[in-house]
Amino acid sequence: METIQPVMLLLVVVGLVLVGGSSVWPAPKPIEYVTCMDIETREDLRNAMRAGIDRAMQSHTARMFTNWMKDPTDQPARAVHGMNNAVKAYVGSRKVANEWSPPVC
C-alpha cells in the first residue's frame, strides 16, 4: 500500500501539469506507441488507469479533510484550494486515460 502512494502522487502531479500547462504550452505531439495490444487488453489497462486515478482522488480527499481537522487555520479556503487542484488533475488524468489508444496488433 505504501508503494501505491508515490504512484498516485505522480498521477496527480502529471494531471496537474497536463491540465495547468495546457493553457501555457502548445498541444503535445501525438504519442507514438511502441506496444500494440488486443482491444480487451487495452480496455483492461484503461480500467486499471481509471481505478488508480479514482483511488488517488479518494486518498487526496481524505488527506484534505485530515489536514483540516489537524490544523483549522485558514480553513476551508486551504481545503477548497487543494480540492480544486485535485479536481483539475482528476479531470485531466481521466481525459488522458480515456483518449489513450495504442494500436491493435
N, C-alpha and C. Protein backbone atom coordinates (compact mmCIF):
# COMPACT_ATOMS: atom_id res chain seq x y z
N MET A 1 0.82 -1.19 0.00
CA MET A 1 0.00 0.00 0.00
C MET A 1 0.87 1.25 0.00
N GLU A 2 2.01 1.21 0.70
CA GLU A 2 2.88 2.37 0.75
C GLU A 2 3.48 2.69 -0.61
N THR A 3 3.70 1.68 -1.46
CA THR A 3 4.27 1.95 -2.77
C THR A 3 3.24 2.55 -3.71
N ILE A 4 1.96 2.40 -3.42
CA ILE A 4 0.92 2.97 -4.28
C ILE A 4 0.86 4.47 -4.10
N GLN A 5 1.12 4.98 -2.89
CA GLN A 5 1.02 6.41 -2.64
C GLN A 5 1.93 7.24 -3.54
N PRO A 6 3.22 6.88 -3.72
CA PRO A 6 4.05 7.67 -4.65
C PRO A 6 3.52 7.61 -6.08
N VAL A 7 2.97 6.49 -6.47
CA VAL A 7 2.41 6.36 -7.81
C VAL A 7 1.21 7.29 -7.96
N MET A 8 0.36 7.32 -6.96
CA MET A 8 -0.81 8.19 -7.01
C MET A 8 -0.39 9.65 -7.03
N LEU A 9 0.62 10.00 -6.23
CA LEU A 9 1.13 11.36 -6.23
C LEU A 9 1.65 11.72 -7.61
N LEU A 10 2.35 10.80 -8.23
CA LEU A 10 2.86 11.03 -9.58
C LEU A 10 1.71 11.26 -10.56
N LEU A 11 0.65 10.46 -10.45
CA LEU A 11 -0.51 10.65 -11.32
C LEU A 11 -1.14 12.02 -11.12
N VAL A 12 -1.25 12.45 -9.88
CA VAL A 12 -1.84 13.75 -9.59
C VAL A 12 -0.95 14.86 -10.16
N VAL A 13 0.36 14.75 -9.96
CA VAL A 13 1.27 15.77 -10.47
C VAL A 13 1.22 15.83 -11.99
N VAL A 14 1.24 14.67 -12.63
CA VAL A 14 1.16 14.62 -14.09
C VAL A 14 -0.14 15.25 -14.56
N GLY A 15 -1.23 14.91 -13.88
CA GLY A 15 -2.51 15.50 -14.24
C GLY A 15 -2.50 17.01 -14.10
N LEU A 16 -1.91 17.51 -13.02
CA LEU A 16 -1.84 18.96 -12.82
C LEU A 16 -1.02 19.62 -13.92
N VAL A 17 0.09 19.00 -14.27
CA VAL A 17 0.93 19.55 -15.34
C VAL A 17 0.16 19.56 -16.65
N LEU A 18 -0.53 18.47 -16.94
CA LEU A 18 -1.29 18.39 -18.19
C LEU A 18 -2.40 19.42 -18.24
N VAL A 19 -3.14 19.57 -17.15
CA VAL A 19 -4.26 20.50 -17.14
C VAL A 19 -3.77 21.93 -17.04
N GLY A 20 -2.88 22.20 -16.10
CA GLY A 20 -2.39 23.57 -15.91
C GLY A 20 -1.51 24.03 -17.04
N GLY A 21 -0.74 23.14 -17.60
CA GLY A 21 0.17 23.51 -18.67
C GLY A 21 -0.49 23.67 -20.02
N SER A 22 -1.71 23.15 -20.18
CA SER A 22 -2.35 23.21 -21.48
C SER A 22 -2.65 24.63 -21.92
N SER A 23 -2.80 25.54 -20.96
CA SER A 23 -3.07 26.92 -21.33
C SER A 23 -1.79 27.70 -21.62
N VAL A 24 -0.64 27.14 -21.25
CA VAL A 24 0.63 27.82 -21.44
C VAL A 24 1.43 27.20 -22.57
N TRP A 25 1.49 25.87 -22.61
CA TRP A 25 2.28 25.16 -23.60
C TRP A 25 1.43 24.76 -24.79
N PRO A 26 2.05 24.65 -25.97
CA PRO A 26 1.28 24.18 -27.12
C PRO A 26 0.88 22.72 -26.92
N ALA A 27 -0.10 22.29 -27.69
CA ALA A 27 -0.58 20.92 -27.59
C ALA A 27 0.58 19.95 -27.88
N PRO A 28 0.68 18.86 -27.12
CA PRO A 28 1.76 17.91 -27.33
C PRO A 28 1.58 17.19 -28.66
N LYS A 29 2.69 16.72 -29.19
CA LYS A 29 2.65 15.92 -30.42
C LYS A 29 1.97 14.60 -30.10
N PRO A 30 1.33 13.99 -31.08
CA PRO A 30 0.71 12.68 -30.83
C PRO A 30 1.74 11.68 -30.30
N ILE A 31 1.31 10.86 -29.38
CA ILE A 31 2.20 9.88 -28.78
C ILE A 31 2.38 8.71 -29.73
N GLU A 32 3.62 8.31 -29.91
CA GLU A 32 3.89 7.14 -30.74
C GLU A 32 3.96 5.92 -29.81
N TYR A 33 3.12 4.94 -30.09
CA TYR A 33 3.07 3.75 -29.25
C TYR A 33 4.00 2.68 -29.79
N VAL A 34 4.78 2.12 -28.90
CA VAL A 34 5.70 1.06 -29.27
C VAL A 34 5.00 -0.29 -29.17
N THR A 35 4.12 -0.43 -28.20
CA THR A 35 3.47 -1.70 -27.93
C THR A 35 2.06 -1.72 -28.51
N CYS A 36 1.79 -2.78 -29.25
CA CYS A 36 0.42 -2.97 -29.72
C CYS A 36 -0.23 -4.01 -28.79
N MET A 37 -1.54 -4.03 -28.80
CA MET A 37 -2.25 -4.96 -27.93
C MET A 37 -3.64 -5.20 -28.48
N ASP A 38 -4.26 -6.26 -27.99
CA ASP A 38 -5.64 -6.53 -28.41
C ASP A 38 -6.57 -5.58 -27.67
N ILE A 39 -7.79 -5.45 -28.19
CA ILE A 39 -8.76 -4.49 -27.65
C ILE A 39 -9.09 -4.80 -26.19
N GLU A 40 -9.23 -6.06 -25.85
CA GLU A 40 -9.58 -6.42 -24.47
C GLU A 40 -8.48 -5.99 -23.49
N THR A 41 -7.22 -6.21 -23.86
CA THR A 41 -6.11 -5.80 -23.00
C THR A 41 -6.08 -4.28 -22.85
N ARG A 42 -6.30 -3.58 -23.96
CA ARG A 42 -6.32 -2.12 -23.91
C ARG A 42 -7.38 -1.63 -22.93
N GLU A 43 -8.57 -2.21 -22.99
CA GLU A 43 -9.65 -1.79 -22.09
C GLU A 43 -9.37 -2.18 -20.64
N ASP A 44 -8.75 -3.35 -20.45
CA ASP A 44 -8.35 -3.75 -19.09
C ASP A 44 -7.36 -2.74 -18.51
N LEU A 45 -6.39 -2.34 -19.31
CA LEU A 45 -5.40 -1.37 -18.84
C LEU A 45 -6.04 0.00 -18.61
N ARG A 46 -6.93 0.40 -19.50
CA ARG A 46 -7.63 1.68 -19.32
C ARG A 46 -8.43 1.67 -18.01
N ASN A 47 -9.10 0.55 -17.73
CA ASN A 47 -9.86 0.43 -16.49
C ASN A 47 -8.94 0.48 -15.27
N ALA A 48 -7.76 -0.13 -15.37
CA ALA A 48 -6.79 -0.08 -14.27
C ALA A 48 -6.32 1.36 -14.05
N MET A 49 -6.11 2.10 -15.15
CA MET A 49 -5.71 3.51 -15.02
C MET A 49 -6.81 4.32 -14.34
N ARG A 50 -8.04 4.12 -14.78
CA ARG A 50 -9.16 4.85 -14.16
C ARG A 50 -9.28 4.52 -12.68
N ALA A 51 -9.11 3.25 -12.34
CA ALA A 51 -9.21 2.84 -10.93
C ALA A 51 -8.11 3.52 -10.11
N GLY A 52 -6.90 3.59 -10.65
CA GLY A 52 -5.81 4.27 -9.94
C GLY A 52 -6.08 5.75 -9.75
N ILE A 53 -6.62 6.38 -10.79
CA ILE A 53 -6.96 7.80 -10.70
C ILE A 53 -8.05 8.01 -9.65
N ASP A 54 -9.05 7.14 -9.64
CA ASP A 54 -10.13 7.23 -8.64
C ASP A 54 -9.59 7.06 -7.22
N ARG A 55 -8.68 6.07 -7.03
CA ARG A 55 -8.10 5.86 -5.70
C ARG A 55 -7.29 7.07 -5.26
N ALA A 56 -6.56 7.67 -6.20
CA ALA A 56 -5.77 8.85 -5.86
C ALA A 56 -6.67 10.01 -5.43
N MET A 57 -7.79 10.17 -6.11
CA MET A 57 -8.73 11.23 -5.76
C MET A 57 -9.33 10.99 -4.37
N GLN A 58 -9.70 9.75 -4.10
CA GLN A 58 -10.25 9.41 -2.78
C GLN A 58 -9.22 9.66 -1.69
N SER A 59 -7.99 9.26 -1.94
CA SER A 59 -6.92 9.45 -0.97
C SER A 59 -6.67 10.94 -0.72
N HIS A 60 -6.65 11.71 -1.78
CA HIS A 60 -6.42 13.15 -1.63
C HIS A 60 -7.56 13.82 -0.85
N THR A 61 -8.78 13.41 -1.16
CA THR A 61 -9.94 13.97 -0.46
C THR A 61 -9.84 13.69 1.04
N ALA A 62 -9.50 12.46 1.39
CA ALA A 62 -9.34 12.10 2.80
C ALA A 62 -8.22 12.91 3.44
N ARG A 63 -7.12 13.11 2.70
CA ARG A 63 -5.98 13.87 3.23
C ARG A 63 -6.37 15.34 3.47
N MET A 64 -7.16 15.92 2.57
CA MET A 64 -7.62 17.30 2.76
C MET A 64 -8.44 17.43 4.03
N PHE A 65 -9.33 16.48 4.27
CA PHE A 65 -10.16 16.51 5.47
C PHE A 65 -9.31 16.29 6.73
N THR A 66 -8.37 15.37 6.66
CA THR A 66 -7.48 15.11 7.80
C THR A 66 -6.69 16.37 8.14
N ASN A 67 -6.17 17.03 7.12
CA ASN A 67 -5.41 18.27 7.36
C ASN A 67 -6.30 19.34 7.99
N TRP A 68 -7.52 19.42 7.55
CA TRP A 68 -8.47 20.40 8.10
C TRP A 68 -8.69 20.14 9.58
N MET A 69 -8.85 18.85 9.94
CA MET A 69 -9.07 18.51 11.35
C MET A 69 -7.84 18.81 12.20
N LYS A 70 -6.64 18.59 11.64
CA LYS A 70 -5.40 18.82 12.39
C LYS A 70 -5.09 20.30 12.55
N ASP A 71 -5.37 21.07 11.49
CA ASP A 71 -5.00 22.49 11.51
C ASP A 71 -6.11 23.31 10.86
N PRO A 72 -6.99 23.89 11.67
CA PRO A 72 -8.11 24.65 11.11
C PRO A 72 -7.73 26.03 10.57
N THR A 73 -6.47 26.40 10.65
CA THR A 73 -6.03 27.70 10.17
C THR A 73 -6.37 27.88 8.69
N ASP A 74 -7.02 29.00 8.38
CA ASP A 74 -7.38 29.37 7.01
C ASP A 74 -8.27 28.34 6.31
N GLN A 75 -9.00 27.57 7.11
CA GLN A 75 -9.95 26.61 6.53
C GLN A 75 -11.31 27.28 6.43
N PRO A 76 -12.13 26.98 5.49
CA PRO A 76 -12.00 25.92 4.50
C PRO A 76 -11.26 26.33 3.22
N ALA A 77 -10.73 27.55 3.17
CA ALA A 77 -10.08 28.03 1.94
C ALA A 77 -8.94 27.12 1.50
N ARG A 78 -8.11 26.67 2.45
CA ARG A 78 -6.99 25.79 2.08
C ARG A 78 -7.50 24.49 1.50
N ALA A 79 -8.52 23.91 2.13
CA ALA A 79 -9.07 22.64 1.64
C ALA A 79 -9.71 22.83 0.26
N VAL A 80 -10.40 23.92 0.08
CA VAL A 80 -11.03 24.19 -1.22
C VAL A 80 -9.96 24.34 -2.30
N HIS A 81 -8.89 25.05 -1.99
CA HIS A 81 -7.79 25.21 -2.95
C HIS A 81 -7.18 23.85 -3.30
N GLY A 82 -6.92 23.05 -2.30
CA GLY A 82 -6.36 21.72 -2.54
C GLY A 82 -7.29 20.83 -3.34
N MET A 83 -8.58 20.91 -3.07
CA MET A 83 -9.54 20.10 -3.82
C MET A 83 -9.70 20.61 -5.25
N ASN A 84 -9.63 21.93 -5.45
CA ASN A 84 -9.69 22.45 -6.82
C ASN A 84 -8.53 21.91 -7.65
N ASN A 85 -7.34 21.89 -7.06
CA ASN A 85 -6.18 21.32 -7.77
C ASN A 85 -6.41 19.84 -8.07
N ALA A 86 -6.94 19.13 -7.09
CA ALA A 86 -7.19 17.70 -7.27
C ALA A 86 -8.23 17.45 -8.36
N VAL A 87 -9.28 18.25 -8.39
CA VAL A 87 -10.32 18.06 -9.41
C VAL A 87 -9.75 18.32 -10.80
N LYS A 88 -8.93 19.36 -10.94
CA LYS A 88 -8.29 19.63 -12.24
C LYS A 88 -7.43 18.44 -12.67
N ALA A 89 -6.65 17.92 -11.74
CA ALA A 89 -5.79 16.77 -12.05
C ALA A 89 -6.63 15.54 -12.38
N TYR A 90 -7.69 15.33 -11.63
CA TYR A 90 -8.56 14.18 -11.85
C TYR A 90 -9.19 14.24 -13.24
N VAL A 91 -9.76 15.39 -13.57
CA VAL A 91 -10.41 15.53 -14.88
C VAL A 91 -9.40 15.37 -16.01
N GLY A 92 -8.24 16.00 -15.87
CA GLY A 92 -7.20 15.87 -16.90
C GLY A 92 -6.69 14.45 -17.04
N SER A 93 -6.48 13.78 -15.93
CA SER A 93 -5.98 12.40 -15.97
C SER A 93 -7.01 11.46 -16.59
N ARG A 94 -8.27 11.64 -16.22
CA ARG A 94 -9.34 10.81 -16.82
C ARG A 94 -9.42 11.03 -18.32
N LYS A 95 -9.27 12.28 -18.74
CA LYS A 95 -9.32 12.60 -20.17
C LYS A 95 -8.20 11.89 -20.91
N VAL A 96 -6.99 11.95 -20.36
CA VAL A 96 -5.85 11.28 -20.99
C VAL A 96 -6.07 9.77 -21.02
N ALA A 97 -6.54 9.20 -19.95
CA ALA A 97 -6.79 7.75 -19.91
C ALA A 97 -7.86 7.34 -20.92
N ASN A 98 -8.90 8.16 -21.04
CA ASN A 98 -9.98 7.84 -21.97
C ASN A 98 -9.54 7.98 -23.43
N GLU A 99 -8.61 8.87 -23.70
CA GLU A 99 -8.13 9.08 -25.06
C GLU A 99 -6.98 8.15 -25.44
N TRP A 100 -6.40 7.49 -24.47
CA TRP A 100 -5.28 6.58 -24.71
C TRP A 100 -5.72 5.47 -25.65
N SER A 101 -5.00 5.31 -26.74
CA SER A 101 -5.44 4.35 -27.74
C SER A 101 -4.25 3.74 -28.48
N PRO A 102 -3.56 2.80 -27.86
CA PRO A 102 -2.45 2.14 -28.56
C PRO A 102 -3.00 1.29 -29.72
N PRO A 103 -2.17 1.04 -30.72
CA PRO A 103 -2.64 0.29 -31.87
C PRO A 103 -2.97 -1.17 -31.52
N VAL A 104 -3.91 -1.70 -32.29
CA VAL A 104 -4.29 -3.10 -32.14
C VAL A 104 -3.32 -3.95 -32.94
N CYS A 105 -2.89 -5.08 -32.37
CA CYS A 105 -1.98 -5.99 -33.07
C CYS A 105 -2.73 -6.78 -34.14
